[in-house]
Amino acid sequence: MKTAIVTGASSGVGRAVALRMLSAGWRVGLIARRSDKLADIAGDWGGAIPLPCDVTQEDEVKHAFAAFHREAGRLDVLFNNAGIFVPPAPIDETPVNDWNQALAVNLTGMFLCARAAFGQMRRQSPQGGRIINNGSVSAQAPREFAVTYTTTKHAVTGLTKQLAYDGRSWDIACGQIDIGNARTEMVEALIAREKAAGRPVPYTMDVGLVADAVLRMADLPLEANVLFQTIMATKMPLVGRG
């Protein structure tokens, strides 16, 4: 049985990916702060292992990954997904606390989880595994007044490239999926803000399509890697002249 850890598994993209992997027969560790949400998923799926954890805390991350290893025996895939979007604002109106919080979750949290996964994959037998980082299309182009999210997601791209390079010697592959406007709680909040401001509602897509795309990346043999993939609502204005 293939094994994976999904961070941010209590809602949104993380929950969709975790459920897709579970339905495909994977054993899945569920990392998020909301233990009740994780317990709900585990109650419906025997292959789910709830791992309540704050990804910004090094000791909690270490404990969660060690607990998964004891339960599952090995780690084949990490979907490094947990992230936050703080209230949008121009940079001079963005509280420093919002900046620090975004860095802690979107970047330090990804680093800590990748670090724990890399260490397990390097030392397990057979050696190797795959790390899939959730970059977001904000890793490619900014959204208005999203300085914290855009900056951290650009940094995730650097993390992905470095891990893809450093992991070669131990058969650890690393790739990134950049997601544009999947219908999750976060995107629904964005739609509400746009409506309230009298602006056009963004084009969106079913979050299940993202889960399918992540599973295809995860299912690859370690001799192949999707380094970067973009999946987005077809009509969203990511490319072209405004």
C-alpha atoms as a PDB file:
ATOM      1  CA  MET A   1       0.000   0.000   0.000  1.00  0.00           C
ATOM      2  CA  LYS A   2       1.350   3.420  -0.971  1.00  0.00           C
ATOM      3  CA  THR A   3       1.663   5.977   1.789  1.00  0.00           C
ATOM      4  CA  ALA A   4       1.393   9.765   1.893  1.00  0.00           C
ATOM      5  CA  ILE A   5       1.166  12.703   4.251  1.00  0.00           C
ATOM      6  CA  VAL A   6      -1.058  15.619   3.290  1.00  0.00           C
ATOM      7  CA  THR A   7      -0.710  18.921   5.128  1.00  0.00           C
ATOM      8  CA  GLY A   8      -3.627  21.299   5.402  1.00  0.00           C
ATOM      9  CA  ALA A   9      -5.809  18.204   5.136  1.00  0.00           C
ATOM     10  CA  SER A  10      -8.801  19.511   7.065  1.00  0.00           C
ATOM     11  CA  SER A  11     -10.248  21.635   4.249  1.00  0.00           C
ATOM     12  CA  GLY A  12      -9.874  22.908   0.696  1.00  0.00           C
ATOM     13  CA  VAL A  13      -7.310  21.425  -1.668  1.00  0.00           C
ATOM     14  CA  GLY A  14      -5.664  19.373   1.081  1.00  0.00           C
ATOM     15  CA  ARG A  15      -8.893  17.668   2.051  1.00  0.00           C
ATOM     16  CA  ALA A  16      -9.776  16.968  -1.584  1.00  0.00           C
ATOM     17  CA  VAL A  17      -6.354  15.429  -2.246  1.00  0.00           C
ATOM     18  CA  ALA A  18      -6.437  13.353   0.943  1.00  0.00           C
ATOM     19  CA  LEU A  19      -9.874  11.945   0.070  1.00  0.00           C
ATOM     20  CA  ARG A  20      -8.780  11.204  -3.502  1.00  0.00           C
ATOM     21  CA  MET A  21      -5.731   9.295  -2.268  1.00  0.00           C
ATOM     22  CA  LEU A  22      -7.770   7.393   0.303  1.00  0.00           C
ATOM     23  CA  SER A  23     -10.312   6.400  -2.335  1.00  0.00           C
ATOM     24  CA  ALA A  24      -7.423   5.123  -4.490  1.00  0.00           C
ATOM     25  CA  GLY A  25      -6.262   2.841  -1.668  1.00  0.00           C
ATOM     26  CA  TRP A  26      -3.435   4.916  -0.206  1.00  0.00           C
ATOM     27  CA  ARG A  27      -2.643   5.130   3.499  1.00  0.00           C
ATOM     28  CA  VAL A  28      -2.749   8.840   4.261  1.00  0.00           C
ATOM     29  CA  GLY A  29      -1.495  10.869   7.207  1.00  0.00           C
ATOM     30  CA  LEU A  30      -3.655  13.947   7.755  1.00  0.00           C
ATOM     31  CA  ILE A  31      -1.902  17.036   9.111  1.00  0.00           C
ATOM     32  CA  ALA A  32      -3.830  20.131  10.197  1.00  0.00           C
ATOM     33  CA  ARG A  33      -4.513  22.052  13.403  1.00  0.00           C
ATOM     34  CA  ARG A  34      -8.237  21.192  13.535  1.00  0.00           C
ATOM     35  CA  SER A  35      -8.228  17.739  15.088  1.00  0.00           C
ATOM     36  CA  ASP A  36     -12.019  17.437  14.912  1.00  0.00           C
ATOM     37  CA  LYS A  37     -11.976  17.789  11.123  1.00  0.00           C
ATOM     38  CA  LEU A  38      -9.247  15.161  10.838  1.00  0.00           C
ATOM     39  CA  ALA A  39     -11.185  12.812  13.107  1.00  0.00           C
ATOM     40  CA  ASP A  40     -14.226  13.169  10.839  1.00  0.00           C
ATOM     41  CA  ILE A  41     -12.195  12.031   7.825  1.00  0.00           C
ATOM     42  CA  ALA A  42     -10.563   9.189   9.758  1.00  0.00           C
ATOM     43  CA  GLY A  43     -13.997   8.036  10.906  1.00  0.00           C
ATOM     44  CA  ASP A  44     -15.002   7.491   7.289  1.00  0.00           C
ATOM     45  CA  TRP A  45     -11.733   6.025   5.987  1.00  0.00           C
ATOM     46  CA  GLY A  46      -9.773   3.203   7.599  1.00  0.00           C
ATOM     47  CA  GLY A  47      -6.580   4.215   5.805  1.00  0.00           C
ATOM     48  CA  ALA A  48      -6.527   7.701   7.309  1.00  0.00           C
ATOM     49  CA  ILE A  49      -4.140   8.567  10.140  1.00  0.00           C
ATOM     50  CA  PRO A  50      -5.005  11.867  11.870  1.00  0.00           C
ATOM     51  CA  LEU A  51      -1.920  13.835  12.894  1.00  0.00           C
ATOM     52  CA  PRO A  52      -3.005  17.091  14.566  1.00  0.00           C
ATOM     53  CA  CYS A  53      -0.126  19.480  14.124  1.00  0.00           C
ATOM     54  CA  ASP A  54       0.806  23.134  13.695  1.00  0.00           C
ATOM     55  CA  VAL A  55       3.227  23.112  10.748  1.00  0.00           C
ATOM     56  CA  THR A  56       4.968  26.238  12.037  1.00  0.00           C
ATOM     57  CA  GLN A  57       6.208  24.381  15.134  1.00  0.00           C
ATOM     58  CA  GLU A  58       9.316  22.251  14.623  1.00  0.00           C
ATOM     59  CA  ASP A  59       8.669  19.850  17.510  1.00  0.00           C
ATOM     60  CA  GLU A  60       5.066  19.239  16.451  1.00  0.00           C
ATOM     61  CA  VAL A  61       6.145  18.494  12.881  1.00  0.00           C
ATOM     62  CA  LYS A  62       8.830  16.065  14.050  1.00  0.00           C
ATOM     63  CA  HIS A  63       6.316  14.304  16.313  1.00  0.00           C
ATOM     64  CA  ALA A  64       3.693  14.018  13.558  1.00  0.00           C
ATOM     65  CA  PHE A  65       6.095  12.549  10.992  1.00  0.00           C
ATOM     66  CA  ALA A  66       7.556  10.132  13.539  1.00  0.00           C
ATOM     67  CA  ALA A  67       4.046   8.999  14.520  1.00  0.00           C
ATOM     68  CA  PHE A  68       3.190   8.370  10.875  1.00  0.00           C
ATOM     69  CA  HIS A  69       6.380   6.365  10.369  1.00  0.00           C
ATOM     70  CA  ARG A  70       5.576   4.171  13.371  1.00  0.00           C
ATOM     71  CA  GLU A  71       2.072   3.550  12.052  1.00  0.00           C
ATOM     72  CA  ALA A  72       2.696   3.204   8.304  1.00  0.00           C
ATOM     73  CA  GLY A  73       6.315   2.035   8.148  1.00  0.00           C
ATOM     74  CA  ARG A  74       7.434   4.352   5.345  1.00  0.00           C
ATOM     75  CA  LEU A  75       6.577   7.582   3.545  1.00  0.00           C
ATOM     76  CA  ASP A  76       6.213   7.558  -0.228  1.00  0.00           C
ATOM     77  CA  VAL A  77       4.758  11.032  -0.837  1.00  0.00           C
ATOM     78  CA  LEU A  78       4.382  14.353   0.959  1.00  0.00           C
ATOM     79  CA  PHE A  79       1.794  16.750  -0.418  1.00  0.00           C
ATOM     80  CA  ASN A  80       3.135  19.942   1.140  1.00  0.00           C
ATOM     81  CA  ASN A  81      -0.013  22.009   0.957  1.00  0.00           C
ATOM     82  CA  ALA A  82      -0.779  23.947   4.146  1.00  0.00           C
ATOM     83  CA  GLY A  83      -1.054  27.680   3.548  1.00  0.00           C
ATOM     84  CA  ILE A  84      -2.944  30.838   4.463  1.00  0.00           C
ATOM     85  CA  PHE A  85      -4.109  33.976   2.661  1.00  0.00           C
ATOM     86  CA  VAL A  86      -4.159  37.008   4.940  1.00  0.00           C
ATOM     87  CA  PRO A  87      -6.545  39.927   4.264  1.00  0.00           C
ATOM     88  CA  PRO A  88      -5.545  41.752   1.051  1.00  0.00           C
ATOM     89  CA  ALA A  89      -4.050  45.236   1.369  1.00  0.00           C
ATOM     90  CA  PRO A  90      -1.407  47.504  -0.178  1.00  0.00           C
ATOM     91  CA  ILE A  91       1.995  46.843   1.349  1.00  0.00           C
ATOM     92  CA  ASP A  92       1.928  50.017   3.454  1.00  0.00           C
ATOM     93  CA  GLU A  93      -1.368  48.902   4.998  1.00  0.00           C
ATOM     94  CA  THR A  94      -0.300  45.286   5.512  1.00  0.00           C
ATOM     95  CA  PRO A  95       0.322  44.618   9.218  1.00  0.00           C
ATOM     96  CA  VAL A  96       3.771  43.226   9.941  1.00  0.00           C
ATOM     97  CA  ASN A  97       2.046  40.510  11.951  1.00  0.00           C
ATOM     98  CA  ASP A  98       0.224  39.375   8.783  1.00  0.00           C
ATOM     99  CA  TRP A  99       3.571  39.213   6.975  1.00  0.00           C
ATOM    100  CA  ASN A 100       5.117  37.161   9.781  1.00  0.00           C
ATOM    101  CA  GLN A 101       2.134  34.831   9.914  1.00  0.00           C
ATOM    102  CA  ALA A 102       2.222  34.220   6.156  1.00  0.00           C
ATOM    103  CA  LEU A 103       5.956  33.524   6.269  1.00  0.00           C
ATOM    104  CA  ALA A 104       5.489  31.131   9.191  1.00  0.00           C
ATOM    105  CA  VAL A 105       2.794  29.010   7.518  1.00  0.00           C
ATOM    106  CA  ASN A 106       3.444  29.345   3.787  1.00  0.00           C
ATOM    107  CA  LEU A 107       7.219  29.120   3.896  1.00  0.00           C
ATOM    108  CA  THR A 108       8.593  27.954   7.250  1.00  0.00           C
ATOM    109  CA  GLY A 109       5.807  25.362   7.521  1.00  0.00           C
ATOM    110  CA  MET A 110       6.636  24.026   4.065  1.00  0.00           C
ATOM    111  CA  PHE A 111      10.338  23.946   4.941  1.00  0.00           C
ATOM    112  CA  LEU A 112       9.756  22.059   8.200  1.00  0.00           C
ATOM    113  CA  CYS A 113       7.496  19.453   6.592  1.00  0.00           C
ATOM    114  CA  ALA A 114       9.795  19.010   3.589  1.00  0.00           C
ATOM    115  CA  ARG A 115      12.728  18.677   5.984  1.00  0.00           C
ATOM    116  CA  ALA A 116      10.990  15.948   7.969  1.00  0.00           C
ATOM    117  CA  ALA A 117       9.860  14.103   4.830  1.00  0.00           C
ATOM    118  CA  PHE A 118      13.283  14.346   3.178  1.00  0.00           C
ATOM    119  CA  GLY A 119      14.929  12.874   6.262  1.00  0.00           C
ATOM    120  CA  GLN A 120      12.541   9.913   6.376  1.00  0.00           C
ATOM    121  CA  MET A 121      12.779   9.252   2.643  1.00  0.00           C
ATOM    122  CA  ARG A 122      16.562   9.407   2.705  1.00  0.00           C
ATOM    123  CA  ARG A 123      16.865   6.887   5.526  1.00  0.00           C
ATOM    124  CA  GLN A 124      14.058   4.426   4.802  1.00  0.00           C
ATOM    125  CA  SER A 125      14.450   1.170   2.891  1.00  0.00           C
ATOM    126  CA  PRO A 126      13.902   1.108   0.001  1.00  0.00           C
ATOM    127  CA  GLN A 127      15.231   4.623  -0.157  1.00  0.00           C
ATOM    128  CA  GLY A 128      13.441   7.536  -1.843  1.00  0.00           C
ATOM    129  CA  GLY A 129      10.084   9.222  -2.170  1.00  0.00           C
ATOM    130  CA  ARG A 130       8.357  12.263  -3.618  1.00  0.00           C
ATOM    131  CA  ILE A 131       7.574  15.741  -2.295  1.00  0.00           C
ATOM    132  CA  ILE A 132       4.864  17.765  -4.050  1.00  0.00           C
ATOM    133  CA  ASN A 133       4.698  21.427  -3.066  1.00  0.00           C
ATOM    134  CA  ASN A 134       1.549  23.498  -3.563  1.00  0.00           C
ATOM    135  CA  GLY A 135       2.862  26.652  -5.182  1.00  0.00           C
ATOM    136  CA  SER A 136      -0.320  28.353  -6.459  1.00  0.00           C
ATOM    137  CA  VAL A 137      -0.420  30.431  -9.638  1.00  0.00           C
ATOM    138  CA  SER A 138       0.668  33.245  -7.306  1.00  0.00           C
ATOM    139  CA  ALA A 139       4.106  31.651  -7.661  1.00  0.00           C
ATOM    140  CA  GLN A 140       3.991  32.881 -11.260  1.00  0.00           C
ATOM    141  CA  ALA A 141       1.978  36.114 -11.228  1.00  0.00           C
ATOM    142  CA  PRO A 142       0.594  38.330  -8.469  1.00  0.00           C
ATOM    143  CA  ARG A 143      -2.981  38.995  -7.498  1.00  0.00           C
ATOM    144  CA  GLU A 144      -3.848  42.551  -6.472  1.00  0.00           C
ATOM    145  CA  PHE A 145      -2.842  43.505  -2.912  1.00  0.00           C
ATOM    146  CA  ALA A 146      -1.505  40.043  -2.057  1.00  0.00           C
ATOM    147  CA  VAL A 147       2.102  40.880  -1.214  1.00  0.00           C
ATOM    148  CA  THR A 148       2.456  38.279   1.551  1.00  0.00           C
ATOM    149  CA  TYR A 149       0.938  35.392  -0.416  1.00  0.00           C
ATOM    150  CA  THR A 150       2.720  36.226  -3.672  1.00  0.00           C
ATOM    151  CA  THR A 151       6.112  36.595  -2.019  1.00  0.00           C
ATOM    152  CA  THR A 152       5.879  33.361  -0.067  1.00  0.00           C
ATOM    153  CA  LYS A 153       4.641  31.384  -3.055  1.00  0.00           C
ATOM    154  CA  HIS A 154       7.492  32.645  -5.227  1.00  0.00           C
ATOM    155  CA  ALA A 155       9.810  31.406  -2.485  1.00  0.00           C
ATOM    156  CA  VAL A 156       8.177  27.969  -2.620  1.00  0.00           C
ATOM    157  CA  THR A 157       9.376  27.693  -6.223  1.00  0.00           C
ATOM    158  CA  GLY A 158      12.947  28.114  -4.999  1.00  0.00           C
ATOM    159  CA  LEU A 159      12.364  25.429  -2.374  1.00  0.00           C
ATOM    160  CA  THR A 160      11.020  23.063  -5.039  1.00  0.00           C
ATOM    161  CA  LYS A 161      14.021  23.537  -7.323  1.00  0.00           C
ATOM    162  CA  GLN A 162      16.489  23.081  -4.487  1.00  0.00           C
ATOM    163  CA  LEU A 163      14.854  19.875  -3.245  1.00  0.00           C
ATOM    164  CA  ALA A 164      14.608  18.483  -6.777  1.00  0.00           C
ATOM    165  CA  TYR A 165      18.340  19.087  -7.140  1.00  0.00           C
ATOM    166  CA  ASP A 166      19.432  17.885  -3.711  1.00  0.00           C
ATOM    167  CA  GLY A 167      17.197  14.819  -3.707  1.00  0.00           C
ATOM    168  CA  ARG A 168      18.723  13.133  -6.740  1.00  0.00           C
ATOM    169  CA  SER A 169      21.349  11.177  -4.805  1.00  0.00           C
ATOM    170  CA  TRP A 170      18.680   9.532  -2.632  1.00  0.00           C
ATOM    171  CA  ASP A 171      15.914   8.994  -5.236  1.00  0.00           C
ATOM    172  CA  ILE A 172      13.837  11.817  -3.756  1.00  0.00           C
ATOM    173  CA  ALA A 173      11.823  13.618  -6.418  1.00  0.00           C
ATOM    174  CA  CYS A 174      10.291  17.033  -5.851  1.00  0.00           C
ATOM    175  CA  GLY A 175       7.702  18.805  -7.968  1.00  0.00           C
ATOM    176  CA  GLN A 176       5.284  21.689  -7.677  1.00  0.00           C
ATOM    177  CA  ILE A 177       1.656  22.164  -8.642  1.00  0.00           C
ATOM    178  CA  ASP A 178       0.458  25.720  -9.250  1.00  0.00           C
ATOM    179  CA  ILE A 179      -3.303  25.900  -8.800  1.00  0.00           C
ATOM    180  CA  GLY A 180      -5.528  28.655 -10.123  1.00  0.00           C
ATOM    181  CA  ASN A 181      -9.014  29.281  -8.723  1.00  0.00           C
ATOM    182  CA  ALA A 182     -10.137  25.842  -7.564  1.00  0.00           C
ATOM    183  CA  ARG A 183     -13.447  26.156  -5.734  1.00  0.00           C
ATOM    184  CA  THR A 184     -12.401  25.953  -2.094  1.00  0.00           C
ATOM    185  CA  GLU A 185     -13.364  27.944   0.977  1.00  0.00           C
ATOM    186  CA  MET A 186     -10.549  30.412   0.260  1.00  0.00           C
ATOM    187  CA  VAL A 187     -11.676  31.022  -3.334  1.00  0.00           C
ATOM    188  CA  GLU A 188     -15.315  31.334  -2.248  1.00  0.00           C
ATOM    189  CA  ALA A 189     -14.195  34.103   0.121  1.00  0.00           C
ATOM    190  CA  LEU A 190     -12.399  35.797  -2.767  1.00  0.00           C
ATOM    191  CA  ILE A 191     -15.559  35.606  -4.880  1.00  0.00           C
ATOM    192  CA  ALA A 192     -17.561  37.189  -2.064  1.00  0.00           C
ATOM    193  CA  ARG A 193     -15.046  40.051  -1.808  1.00  0.00           C
ATOM    194  CA  GLU A 194     -15.158  40.673  -5.559  1.00  0.00           C
ATOM    195  CA  LYS A 195     -18.956  40.694  -5.552  1.00  0.00           C
ATOM    196  CA  ALA A 196     -19.030  43.106  -2.631  1.00  0.00           C
ATOM    197  CA  ALA A 197     -16.653  45.442  -4.460  1.00  0.00           C
ATOM    198  CA  GLY A 198     -18.775  45.316  -7.621  1.00  0.00           C
ATOM    199  CA  ARG A 199     -16.028  43.583  -9.595  1.00  0.00           C
ATOM    200  CA  PRO A 200     -16.432  40.607 -11.977  1.00  0.00           C
ATOM    201  CA  VAL A 201     -16.559  37.177 -10.328  1.00  0.00           C
ATOM    202  CA  PRO A 202     -13.422  35.110 -11.085  1.00  0.00           C
ATOM    203  CA  TYR A 203     -13.613  32.018 -13.254  1.00  0.00           C
ATOM    204  CA  THR A 204     -13.224  28.828 -11.180  1.00  0.00           C
ATOM    205  CA  MET A 205     -12.904  25.047 -11.539  1.00  0.00           C
ATOM    206  CA  ASP A 206     -13.872  21.988  -9.494  1.00  0.00           C
ATOM    207  CA  VAL A 207     -11.333  21.236  -6.749  1.00  0.00           C
ATOM    208  CA  GLY A 208     -11.682  17.519  -7.591  1.00  0.00           C
ATOM    209  CA  LEU A 209      -9.739  18.176 -10.797  1.00  0.00           C
ATOM    210  CA  VAL A 210      -6.822  19.375  -8.690  1.00  0.00           C
ATOM    211  CA  ALA A 211      -6.977  16.231  -6.560  1.00  0.00           C
ATOM    212  CA  ASP A 212      -6.815  14.109  -9.700  1.00  0.00           C
ATOM    213  CA  ALA A 213      -3.786  16.063 -10.953  1.00  0.00           C
ATOM    214  CA  VAL A 214      -1.921  15.666  -7.652  1.00  0.00           C
ATOM    215  CA  LEU A 215      -2.645  11.933  -7.616  1.00  0.00           C
ATOM    216  CA  ARG A 216      -1.203  11.565 -11.125  1.00  0.00           C
ATOM    217  CA  MET A 217       1.988  13.288  -9.974  1.00  0.00           C
ATOM    218  CA  ALA A 218       2.123  11.117  -6.857  1.00  0.00           C
ATOM    219  CA  ASP A 219       1.598   7.885  -8.800  1.00  0.00           C
ATOM    220  CA  LEU A 220       4.628   8.340 -11.060  1.00  0.00           C
ATOM    221  CA  PRO A 221       7.567   5.960 -10.650  1.00  0.00           C
ATOM    222  CA  LEU A 222      10.590   7.685  -9.126  1.00  0.00           C
ATOM    223  CA  GLU A 223      12.429   7.573 -12.452  1.00  0.00           C
ATOM    224  CA  ALA A 224      10.066  10.346 -13.638  1.00  0.00           C
ATOM    225  CA  ASN A 225       9.043  13.665 -12.125  1.00  0.00           C
ATOM    226  CA  VAL A 226       6.618  16.459 -12.958  1.00  0.00           C
ATOM    227  CA  LEU A 227       8.829  19.358 -11.905  1.00  0.00           C
ATOM    228  CA  PHE A 228       6.144  22.028 -12.448  1.00  0.00           C
ATOM    229  CA  GLN A 229       2.484  21.710 -13.344  1.00  0.00           C
ATOM    230  CA  THR A 230      -0.120  24.458 -13.656  1.00  0.00           C
ATOM    231  CA  ILE A 231      -3.796  23.583 -13.396  1.00  0.00           C
ATOM    232  CA  MET A 232      -6.219  26.478 -13.534  1.00  0.00           C
ATOM    233  CA  ALA A 233      -9.660  27.610 -14.549  1.00  0.00           C
ATOM    234  CA  THR A 234      -9.380  27.867 -18.324  1.00  0.00           C
ATOM    235  CA  LYS A 235     -10.593  31.452 -18.604  1.00  0.00           C
ATOM    236  CA  MET A 236      -8.740  32.987 -15.690  1.00  0.00           C
ATOM    237  CA  PRO A 237      -6.422  35.797 -16.871  1.00  0.00           C
ATOM    238  CA  LEU A 238      -3.063  34.304 -15.897  1.00  0.00           C
ATOM    239  CA  VAL A 239      -1.423  34.957 -19.268  1.00  0.00           C
ATOM    240  CA  GLY A 240      -1.818  37.612 -21.939  1.00  0.00           C
ATOM    241  CA  ARG A 241      -2.199  41.346 -21.955  1.00  0.00           C
ATOM    242  CA  GLY A 242      -4.623  42.966 -19.513  1.00  0.00           C
END
